[in-house]
N, C-alpha and C. Protein backbone atom coordinates (compact mmCIF):
# COMPACT_ATOMS: atom_id res chain seq x y z
N MET A 1 -18.99 -14.16 49.73
CA MET A 1 -18.12 -13.01 49.59
C MET A 1 -18.55 -11.93 50.57
N LYS A 2 -17.59 -11.27 51.06
CA LYS A 2 -17.84 -10.21 52.03
C LYS A 2 -17.80 -8.86 51.32
N ARG A 3 -18.82 -8.05 51.56
CA ARG A 3 -18.88 -6.71 50.96
C ARG A 3 -18.10 -5.72 51.81
N MET A 4 -17.59 -4.71 51.13
CA MET A 4 -16.93 -3.64 51.86
C MET A 4 -17.97 -2.73 52.50
N ARG A 5 -17.60 -2.02 53.51
CA ARG A 5 -18.53 -1.16 54.23
C ARG A 5 -19.12 -0.06 53.35
N GLY A 6 -18.38 0.48 52.39
CA GLY A 6 -18.84 1.60 51.57
C GLY A 6 -19.76 1.19 50.44
N GLU A 7 -20.05 -0.09 50.23
CA GLU A 7 -20.87 -0.55 49.10
C GLU A 7 -22.27 -0.97 49.51
N LYS A 8 -22.71 -0.68 50.71
CA LYS A 8 -24.00 -1.16 51.18
C LYS A 8 -25.17 -0.62 50.37
N GLY A 9 -25.19 0.64 50.00
CA GLY A 9 -26.32 1.23 49.27
C GLY A 9 -26.07 1.42 47.79
N ALA A 10 -25.05 0.79 47.23
CA ALA A 10 -24.69 1.00 45.83
C ALA A 10 -25.79 0.52 44.89
N ALA A 11 -26.37 -0.64 45.17
CA ALA A 11 -27.42 -1.17 44.30
C ALA A 11 -28.66 -0.27 44.33
N LEU A 12 -28.99 0.26 45.49
CA LEU A 12 -30.14 1.16 45.61
C LEU A 12 -29.92 2.45 44.82
N ILE A 13 -28.72 2.99 44.89
CA ILE A 13 -28.41 4.21 44.15
C ILE A 13 -28.41 3.96 42.64
N GLU A 14 -27.87 2.83 42.23
CA GLU A 14 -27.88 2.48 40.80
C GLU A 14 -29.31 2.34 40.29
N ALA A 15 -30.16 1.70 41.06
CA ALA A 15 -31.56 1.55 40.67
C ALA A 15 -32.27 2.89 40.63
N ALA A 16 -31.96 3.75 41.59
CA ALA A 16 -32.60 5.07 41.63
C ALA A 16 -32.21 5.93 40.43
N VAL A 17 -31.05 5.69 39.86
CA VAL A 17 -30.60 6.44 38.69
C VAL A 17 -31.14 5.84 37.40
N THR A 18 -31.12 4.51 37.29
CA THR A 18 -31.48 3.87 36.01
C THR A 18 -32.98 3.71 35.79
N VAL A 19 -33.76 3.47 36.83
CA VAL A 19 -35.20 3.24 36.64
C VAL A 19 -35.91 4.45 36.01
N PRO A 20 -35.69 5.68 36.45
CA PRO A 20 -36.36 6.81 35.77
C PRO A 20 -35.95 6.95 34.31
N ILE A 21 -34.69 6.67 34.00
CA ILE A 21 -34.25 6.75 32.61
C ILE A 21 -34.94 5.70 31.76
N ILE A 22 -35.04 4.48 32.26
CA ILE A 22 -35.72 3.40 31.53
C ILE A 22 -37.20 3.73 31.36
N LEU A 23 -37.83 4.26 32.39
CA LEU A 23 -39.25 4.64 32.29
C LEU A 23 -39.45 5.76 31.26
N LEU A 24 -38.57 6.74 31.25
CA LEU A 24 -38.68 7.84 30.28
C LEU A 24 -38.53 7.33 28.85
N ILE A 25 -37.60 6.42 28.64
CA ILE A 25 -37.42 5.85 27.30
C ILE A 25 -38.64 5.04 26.90
N SER A 26 -39.19 4.25 27.81
CA SER A 26 -40.38 3.45 27.51
C SER A 26 -41.59 4.33 27.19
N VAL A 27 -41.80 5.35 27.98
CA VAL A 27 -42.92 6.27 27.73
C VAL A 27 -42.71 6.99 26.41
N GLY A 28 -41.47 7.38 26.11
CA GLY A 28 -41.19 8.03 24.83
C GLY A 28 -41.52 7.14 23.65
N ILE A 29 -41.22 5.84 23.77
CA ILE A 29 -41.55 4.90 22.69
C ILE A 29 -43.07 4.84 22.50
N PHE A 30 -43.80 4.76 23.59
CA PHE A 30 -45.27 4.72 23.48
C PHE A 30 -45.83 6.01 22.91
N GLU A 31 -45.31 7.14 23.36
CA GLU A 31 -45.82 8.44 22.89
C GLU A 31 -45.55 8.64 21.40
N PHE A 32 -44.35 8.33 20.94
CA PHE A 32 -44.05 8.51 19.53
C PHE A 32 -44.78 7.48 18.67
N GLY A 33 -45.07 6.31 19.22
CA GLY A 33 -45.92 5.35 18.52
C GLY A 33 -47.33 5.88 18.35
N ARG A 34 -47.84 6.53 19.40
CA ARG A 34 -49.17 7.15 19.31
C ARG A 34 -49.18 8.29 18.31
N ALA A 35 -48.10 9.07 18.26
CA ALA A 35 -48.01 10.16 17.28
C ALA A 35 -47.97 9.60 15.86
N TYR A 36 -47.25 8.51 15.65
CA TYR A 36 -47.18 7.89 14.33
C TYR A 36 -48.55 7.35 13.91
N GLN A 37 -49.26 6.73 14.85
CA GLN A 37 -50.60 6.22 14.56
C GLN A 37 -51.55 7.36 14.22
N THR A 38 -51.44 8.48 14.92
CA THR A 38 -52.27 9.64 14.64
C THR A 38 -51.98 10.17 13.23
N GLN A 39 -50.71 10.24 12.85
CA GLN A 39 -50.35 10.71 11.51
C GLN A 39 -50.91 9.78 10.44
N GLN A 40 -50.92 8.48 10.69
CA GLN A 40 -51.47 7.54 9.73
C GLN A 40 -52.98 7.71 9.57
N VAL A 41 -53.68 7.93 10.67
CA VAL A 41 -55.13 8.17 10.59
C VAL A 41 -55.40 9.44 9.81
N LEU A 42 -54.63 10.50 10.05
CA LEU A 42 -54.83 11.76 9.32
C LEU A 42 -54.55 11.59 7.83
N THR A 43 -53.50 10.86 7.48
CA THR A 43 -53.17 10.63 6.07
C THR A 43 -54.29 9.87 5.38
N ASN A 44 -54.78 8.83 6.02
CA ASN A 44 -55.87 8.05 5.42
C ASN A 44 -57.16 8.86 5.34
N ALA A 45 -57.42 9.70 6.33
CA ALA A 45 -58.61 10.55 6.29
C ALA A 45 -58.53 11.54 5.14
N ALA A 46 -57.34 12.10 4.89
CA ALA A 46 -57.17 13.02 3.76
C ALA A 46 -57.38 12.29 2.44
N ARG A 47 -56.91 11.06 2.35
CA ARG A 47 -57.15 10.27 1.13
C ARG A 47 -58.63 10.01 0.91
N GLU A 48 -59.33 9.65 1.99
CA GLU A 48 -60.77 9.41 1.86
C GLU A 48 -61.49 10.68 1.43
N GLY A 49 -61.10 11.81 2.00
CA GLY A 49 -61.71 13.07 1.60
C GLY A 49 -61.44 13.41 0.15
N ALA A 50 -60.22 13.16 -0.31
CA ALA A 50 -59.88 13.44 -1.71
C ALA A 50 -60.64 12.53 -2.66
N ARG A 51 -60.86 11.28 -2.26
CA ARG A 51 -61.66 10.37 -3.09
C ARG A 51 -63.08 10.88 -3.28
N VAL A 52 -63.64 11.45 -2.21
CA VAL A 52 -65.00 12.02 -2.31
C VAL A 52 -64.96 13.31 -3.12
N ALA A 53 -63.91 14.10 -2.98
CA ALA A 53 -63.83 15.40 -3.65
C ALA A 53 -63.76 15.27 -5.17
N VAL A 54 -63.19 14.19 -5.69
CA VAL A 54 -63.07 14.06 -7.14
C VAL A 54 -64.34 13.52 -7.79
N ILE A 55 -65.27 13.07 -7.00
CA ILE A 55 -66.55 12.58 -7.55
C ILE A 55 -67.40 13.78 -7.93
N GLU A 56 -67.90 13.75 -9.14
CA GLU A 56 -68.71 14.86 -9.62
C GLU A 56 -70.04 14.92 -8.87
N GLY A 57 -70.42 16.12 -8.46
CA GLY A 57 -71.68 16.32 -7.77
C GLY A 57 -71.58 16.33 -6.25
N THR A 58 -70.40 16.08 -5.69
CA THR A 58 -70.27 16.14 -4.24
C THR A 58 -69.91 17.56 -3.81
N THR A 59 -70.24 17.87 -2.59
CA THR A 59 -69.97 19.21 -2.06
C THR A 59 -68.80 19.15 -1.07
N ASP A 60 -68.33 20.34 -0.69
CA ASP A 60 -67.27 20.41 0.31
C ASP A 60 -67.76 19.85 1.65
N ALA A 61 -69.05 20.03 1.93
CA ALA A 61 -69.61 19.48 3.18
C ALA A 61 -69.55 17.95 3.18
N ASP A 62 -69.76 17.33 2.02
CA ASP A 62 -69.64 15.87 1.92
C ASP A 62 -68.20 15.42 2.21
N VAL A 63 -67.25 16.17 1.69
CA VAL A 63 -65.84 15.85 1.91
C VAL A 63 -65.50 15.98 3.39
N ARG A 64 -65.91 17.08 4.00
CA ARG A 64 -65.61 17.30 5.42
C ARG A 64 -66.28 16.24 6.30
N THR A 65 -67.48 15.83 5.93
CA THR A 65 -68.17 14.80 6.69
C THR A 65 -67.42 13.47 6.62
N ARG A 66 -66.93 13.11 5.43
CA ARG A 66 -66.18 11.86 5.28
C ARG A 66 -64.89 11.91 6.09
N VAL A 67 -64.20 13.05 6.04
CA VAL A 67 -62.95 13.19 6.80
C VAL A 67 -63.23 13.10 8.30
N ARG A 68 -64.25 13.82 8.77
CA ARG A 68 -64.59 13.79 10.20
C ARG A 68 -64.96 12.38 10.66
N ASP A 69 -65.74 11.67 9.84
CA ASP A 69 -66.13 10.31 10.21
C ASP A 69 -64.91 9.40 10.32
N TYR A 70 -63.98 9.52 9.36
CA TYR A 70 -62.79 8.67 9.39
C TYR A 70 -61.92 8.99 10.61
N VAL A 71 -61.75 10.26 10.90
CA VAL A 71 -60.93 10.66 12.04
C VAL A 71 -61.57 10.19 13.34
N THR A 72 -62.87 10.30 13.45
CA THR A 72 -63.56 9.87 14.66
C THR A 72 -63.46 8.35 14.83
N ARG A 73 -63.65 7.60 13.73
CA ARG A 73 -63.50 6.15 13.81
C ARG A 73 -62.06 5.74 14.13
N GLY A 74 -61.11 6.59 13.79
CA GLY A 74 -59.71 6.33 14.11
C GLY A 74 -59.34 6.64 15.55
N GLY A 75 -60.29 7.12 16.33
CA GLY A 75 -60.04 7.36 17.75
C GLY A 75 -59.53 8.74 18.09
N LEU A 76 -59.60 9.67 17.13
CA LEU A 76 -59.13 11.03 17.38
C LEU A 76 -60.32 11.94 17.67
N THR A 77 -60.02 13.14 18.18
CA THR A 77 -61.09 14.09 18.47
C THR A 77 -61.63 14.69 17.18
N THR A 78 -62.83 15.19 17.23
CA THR A 78 -63.50 15.72 16.05
C THR A 78 -62.81 16.98 15.54
N LEU A 79 -62.77 17.11 14.22
CA LEU A 79 -62.16 18.26 13.57
C LEU A 79 -63.20 19.34 13.31
N THR A 80 -62.78 20.59 13.31
CA THR A 80 -63.65 21.69 12.92
C THR A 80 -63.50 21.96 11.43
N ASP A 81 -64.39 22.78 10.87
CA ASP A 81 -64.31 23.11 9.45
C ASP A 81 -63.00 23.82 9.10
N GLY A 82 -62.46 24.61 10.02
CA GLY A 82 -61.23 25.33 9.76
C GLY A 82 -60.01 24.43 9.70
N GLN A 83 -60.11 23.22 10.25
CA GLN A 83 -58.98 22.29 10.23
C GLN A 83 -58.96 21.43 8.97
N ILE A 84 -60.01 21.49 8.17
CA ILE A 84 -60.09 20.71 6.93
C ILE A 84 -60.18 21.69 5.77
N VAL A 85 -59.16 21.73 4.93
CA VAL A 85 -59.12 22.65 3.79
C VAL A 85 -59.35 21.84 2.52
N VAL A 86 -60.40 22.21 1.76
CA VAL A 86 -60.74 21.52 0.52
C VAL A 86 -60.58 22.50 -0.64
N GLN A 87 -59.81 22.09 -1.65
CA GLN A 87 -59.67 22.88 -2.88
C GLN A 87 -60.05 21.97 -4.05
N ARG A 88 -60.95 22.46 -4.90
CA ARG A 88 -61.48 21.62 -5.97
C ARG A 88 -60.77 21.78 -7.31
N THR A 89 -60.18 22.92 -7.58
CA THR A 89 -59.59 23.15 -8.90
C THR A 89 -58.13 23.54 -8.78
N VAL A 90 -57.31 22.59 -8.40
CA VAL A 90 -55.87 22.81 -8.35
C VAL A 90 -55.33 22.49 -9.74
N PRO A 91 -54.69 23.45 -10.42
CA PRO A 91 -54.23 23.19 -11.79
C PRO A 91 -53.05 22.21 -11.81
N LEU A 92 -53.12 21.30 -12.76
CA LEU A 92 -52.04 20.36 -13.01
C LEU A 92 -51.44 20.66 -14.38
N THR A 93 -50.44 19.91 -14.78
CA THR A 93 -49.85 20.11 -16.11
C THR A 93 -50.90 19.80 -17.17
N GLY A 94 -50.87 20.54 -18.24
CA GLY A 94 -51.88 20.37 -19.28
C GLY A 94 -53.16 21.08 -18.89
N SER A 95 -54.26 20.49 -19.26
CA SER A 95 -55.55 21.12 -18.98
C SER A 95 -56.29 20.45 -17.84
N SER A 96 -55.69 19.46 -17.19
CA SER A 96 -56.40 18.77 -16.13
C SER A 96 -56.28 19.52 -14.80
N THR A 97 -57.23 19.23 -13.92
CA THR A 97 -57.24 19.83 -12.59
C THR A 97 -57.30 18.72 -11.54
N ALA A 98 -57.07 19.11 -10.32
CA ALA A 98 -57.10 18.14 -9.23
C ALA A 98 -57.82 18.74 -8.03
N SER A 99 -58.19 17.86 -7.12
CA SER A 99 -58.79 18.28 -5.86
C SER A 99 -57.81 17.93 -4.74
N SER A 100 -57.72 18.82 -3.77
CA SER A 100 -56.82 18.55 -2.65
C SER A 100 -57.58 18.69 -1.33
N VAL A 101 -57.16 17.88 -0.38
CA VAL A 101 -57.71 17.93 0.97
C VAL A 101 -56.52 18.00 1.92
N GLU A 102 -56.54 19.00 2.80
CA GLU A 102 -55.49 19.16 3.79
C GLU A 102 -56.11 19.19 5.18
N ILE A 103 -55.50 18.46 6.09
CA ILE A 103 -55.99 18.38 7.47
C ILE A 103 -54.90 18.93 8.39
N ASN A 104 -55.30 19.80 9.31
CA ASN A 104 -54.41 20.32 10.35
C ASN A 104 -54.96 19.86 11.69
N TYR A 105 -54.18 19.08 12.42
CA TYR A 105 -54.66 18.47 13.66
C TYR A 105 -53.70 18.81 14.81
N PRO A 106 -54.21 19.36 15.91
CA PRO A 106 -53.34 19.64 17.06
C PRO A 106 -53.09 18.37 17.87
N PHE A 107 -51.84 17.96 17.94
CA PHE A 107 -51.47 16.74 18.67
C PHE A 107 -50.78 17.11 19.97
N GLN A 108 -51.19 16.47 21.04
CA GLN A 108 -50.63 16.75 22.37
C GLN A 108 -50.05 15.45 22.93
N PHE A 109 -48.77 15.50 23.31
CA PHE A 109 -48.18 14.36 24.01
C PHE A 109 -48.78 14.28 25.40
N MET A 110 -49.20 13.10 25.81
CA MET A 110 -49.89 12.95 27.09
C MET A 110 -48.95 12.97 28.29
N VAL A 111 -47.82 12.30 28.19
CA VAL A 111 -46.91 12.18 29.33
C VAL A 111 -45.67 13.04 29.16
N LEU A 112 -45.16 13.12 27.94
CA LEU A 112 -43.90 13.85 27.74
C LEU A 112 -44.04 15.35 27.93
N ASN A 113 -45.20 15.93 27.59
CA ASN A 113 -45.37 17.38 27.78
C ASN A 113 -45.27 17.80 29.25
N PRO A 114 -45.93 17.11 30.18
CA PRO A 114 -45.74 17.50 31.59
C PRO A 114 -44.30 17.32 32.07
N VAL A 115 -43.62 16.29 31.57
CA VAL A 115 -42.22 16.08 31.96
C VAL A 115 -41.36 17.23 31.44
N VAL A 116 -41.60 17.64 30.20
CA VAL A 116 -40.83 18.75 29.63
C VAL A 116 -41.14 20.04 30.36
N ARG A 117 -42.40 20.24 30.76
CA ARG A 117 -42.75 21.45 31.52
C ARG A 117 -42.07 21.49 32.88
N LEU A 118 -41.79 20.32 33.46
CA LEU A 118 -41.04 20.30 34.73
C LEU A 118 -39.60 20.76 34.52
N VAL A 119 -39.04 20.42 33.36
CA VAL A 119 -37.65 20.78 33.07
C VAL A 119 -37.54 22.26 32.71
N ALA A 120 -38.48 22.77 31.90
CA ALA A 120 -38.44 24.16 31.45
C ALA A 120 -39.78 24.83 31.74
N PRO A 121 -40.05 25.19 33.00
CA PRO A 121 -41.37 25.74 33.35
C PRO A 121 -41.63 27.16 32.86
N THR A 122 -40.60 27.92 32.53
CA THR A 122 -40.83 29.31 32.14
C THR A 122 -41.05 29.49 30.65
N ASP A 123 -40.72 28.51 29.84
CA ASP A 123 -40.89 28.61 28.39
C ASP A 123 -42.36 28.40 28.04
N THR A 124 -42.97 29.35 27.33
CA THR A 124 -44.40 29.27 27.02
C THR A 124 -44.70 28.31 25.87
N THR A 125 -43.75 28.08 24.99
CA THR A 125 -44.01 27.18 23.85
C THR A 125 -43.74 25.72 24.20
N THR A 126 -43.02 25.48 25.26
CA THR A 126 -42.73 24.11 25.66
C THR A 126 -43.99 23.43 26.16
N GLY A 127 -44.27 22.28 25.63
CA GLY A 127 -45.46 21.54 26.03
C GLY A 127 -46.71 21.93 25.30
N ALA A 128 -46.63 22.85 24.36
CA ALA A 128 -47.80 23.24 23.58
C ALA A 128 -48.09 22.17 22.53
N PRO A 129 -49.33 22.06 22.08
CA PRO A 129 -49.64 21.06 21.04
C PRO A 129 -48.87 21.36 19.75
N ILE A 130 -48.49 20.29 19.06
CA ILE A 130 -47.87 20.45 17.75
C ILE A 130 -48.95 20.22 16.69
N THR A 131 -48.81 20.85 15.55
CA THR A 131 -49.79 20.71 14.49
C THR A 131 -49.32 19.66 13.49
N MET A 132 -50.08 18.60 13.41
CA MET A 132 -49.80 17.57 12.41
C MET A 132 -50.59 17.91 11.16
N LYS A 133 -49.96 17.72 10.01
CA LYS A 133 -50.62 18.02 8.75
C LYS A 133 -50.60 16.79 7.84
N ALA A 134 -51.71 16.61 7.14
CA ALA A 134 -51.80 15.55 6.13
C ALA A 134 -52.51 16.16 4.93
N ALA A 135 -51.98 15.90 3.75
CA ALA A 135 -52.58 16.46 2.54
C ALA A 135 -52.56 15.40 1.44
N THR A 136 -53.62 15.42 0.62
CA THR A 136 -53.73 14.51 -0.51
C THR A 136 -54.20 15.29 -1.73
N LEU A 137 -53.63 14.98 -2.87
CA LEU A 137 -53.99 15.62 -4.13
C LEU A 137 -54.38 14.51 -5.10
N MET A 138 -55.61 14.60 -5.65
CA MET A 138 -56.07 13.60 -6.64
C MET A 138 -56.61 14.30 -7.86
N ARG A 139 -56.30 13.74 -9.01
CA ARG A 139 -56.74 14.31 -10.28
C ARG A 139 -58.23 14.14 -10.45
N ASN A 140 -58.88 15.22 -10.89
CA ASN A 140 -60.32 15.17 -11.16
C ASN A 140 -60.55 14.38 -12.45
N GLU A 141 -61.56 13.55 -12.42
CA GLU A 141 -61.91 12.73 -13.59
C GLU A 141 -62.91 13.42 -14.46
């Protein structure tokens, strides 16, 4: 088949348009998968901390240590004391109480944030870390 003169670079232009879109979608899938994995590690770390908090005789430092160890083993950066909130006497219905552990973790997209900053360079909140939160409440025995 003979091509027309005006169609010589059509395939190149189509590739130049579609390849960046496919790459952006692929990177977005990976980034949101990493965010989901981070949320799962934080949720499990809060559960581990709450399990320690309901044991009689443990301190808040023991709870924070367990949470930090779990987060570190999960591949995340170390948390500070201000990012781990422990409450020992949360009132429940009746006369029982509960312990709660809340984790606040700053999550940063690795690839999507720079791309967003290219699109909106003047916005100061664009590309800033988002705060992921995980909380667990367990009844004291």
